[in-house]
């Protein structure tokens, strides 16, 4: 590939990235924080649930293998 073509393609790509970036509508800070808290809560609940299931299955396997 010709270096001049590569430079032109790279420049055009970056210009398009800037145009698309300007189209982004960011949520307000309160909404973003609330979403983050929601995700952390859901992940925590799922983690605890999977931990309980894992512990239970491990105990069952111990009993089976005795």
Protein backbone atom coordinates (compact mmCIF):
# COMPACT_ATOMS: atom_id res chain seq x y z
CA UNK A 1 0.00 0.00 0.00
CA UNK A 2 1.26 3.44 -0.88
CA UNK A 3 2.20 5.47 2.25
CA UNK A 4 0.34 8.51 0.88
CA UNK A 5 -2.84 6.42 0.51
CA UNK A 6 -2.37 5.00 3.99
CA UNK A 7 -2.00 8.49 5.46
CA UNK A 8 -5.10 9.70 3.61
CA UNK A 9 -7.11 6.68 4.77
CA UNK A 10 -5.96 7.12 8.36
CA UNK A 11 -6.79 10.83 8.29
CA UNK A 12 -10.25 10.16 6.85
CA UNK A 13 -10.89 7.46 9.45
CA UNK A 14 -9.93 9.77 12.33
CA UNK A 15 -12.14 12.55 10.94
CA UNK A 16 -15.07 10.11 10.83
CA UNK A 17 -14.33 9.03 14.39
CA UNK A 18 -14.51 12.66 15.55
CA UNK A 19 -17.83 13.16 13.74
CA UNK A 20 -19.30 10.02 15.32
CA UNK A 21 -17.93 10.97 18.75
CA UNK A 22 -19.76 14.28 18.55
CA UNK A 23 -23.04 12.41 18.00
CA UNK A 24 -22.79 10.64 21.37
CA UNK A 25 -25.34 11.78 23.92
CA UNK A 26 -23.87 11.12 27.33
CA UNK A 27 -26.27 10.48 30.23
CA UNK A 28 -26.39 12.95 33.10
CA UNK A 29 -24.02 12.20 35.97
CA UNK A 30 -26.84 11.15 38.34
CA UNK A 31 -28.18 8.69 35.77
CA UNK A 32 -24.73 7.23 35.12
CA UNK A 33 -24.07 6.88 38.86
CA UNK A 34 -27.45 5.21 39.41
CA UNK A 35 -26.75 2.78 36.57
CA UNK A 36 -23.35 1.96 38.03
CA UNK A 37 -24.83 1.33 41.47
CA UNK A 38 -27.48 -0.89 39.89
CA UNK A 39 -24.87 -2.94 38.08
CA UNK A 40 -22.76 -3.33 41.22
CA UNK A 41 -25.81 -4.48 43.22
CA UNK A 42 -26.88 -7.02 40.56
CA UNK A 43 -23.34 -8.38 40.21
CA UNK A 44 -23.04 -8.66 44.00
CA UNK A 45 -26.31 -10.56 44.31
CA UNK A 46 -25.36 -12.95 41.50
CA UNK A 47 -21.91 -13.45 43.05
CA UNK A 48 -23.38 -14.36 46.42
CA UNK A 49 -25.95 -16.68 44.82
CA UNK A 50 -23.31 -18.48 42.79
CA UNK A 51 -21.06 -18.71 45.86
CA UNK A 52 -23.86 -20.34 47.85
CA UNK A 53 -24.58 -22.79 45.03
CA UNK A 54 -20.87 -23.57 44.68
CA UNK A 55 -20.51 -24.14 48.41
CA UNK A 56 -23.59 -26.37 48.44
CA UNK A 57 -22.41 -28.45 45.50
CA UNK A 58 -18.95 -28.80 47.06
CA UNK A 59 -20.52 -30.08 50.28
CA UNK A 60 -22.66 -32.55 48.32
CA UNK A 61 -19.58 -33.80 46.46
CA UNK A 62 -17.74 -34.27 49.77
CA UNK A 63 -20.61 -36.38 51.08
CA UNK A 64 -20.77 -38.42 47.86
CA UNK A 65 -17.02 -39.07 47.81
CA UNK A 66 -16.81 -40.15 51.48
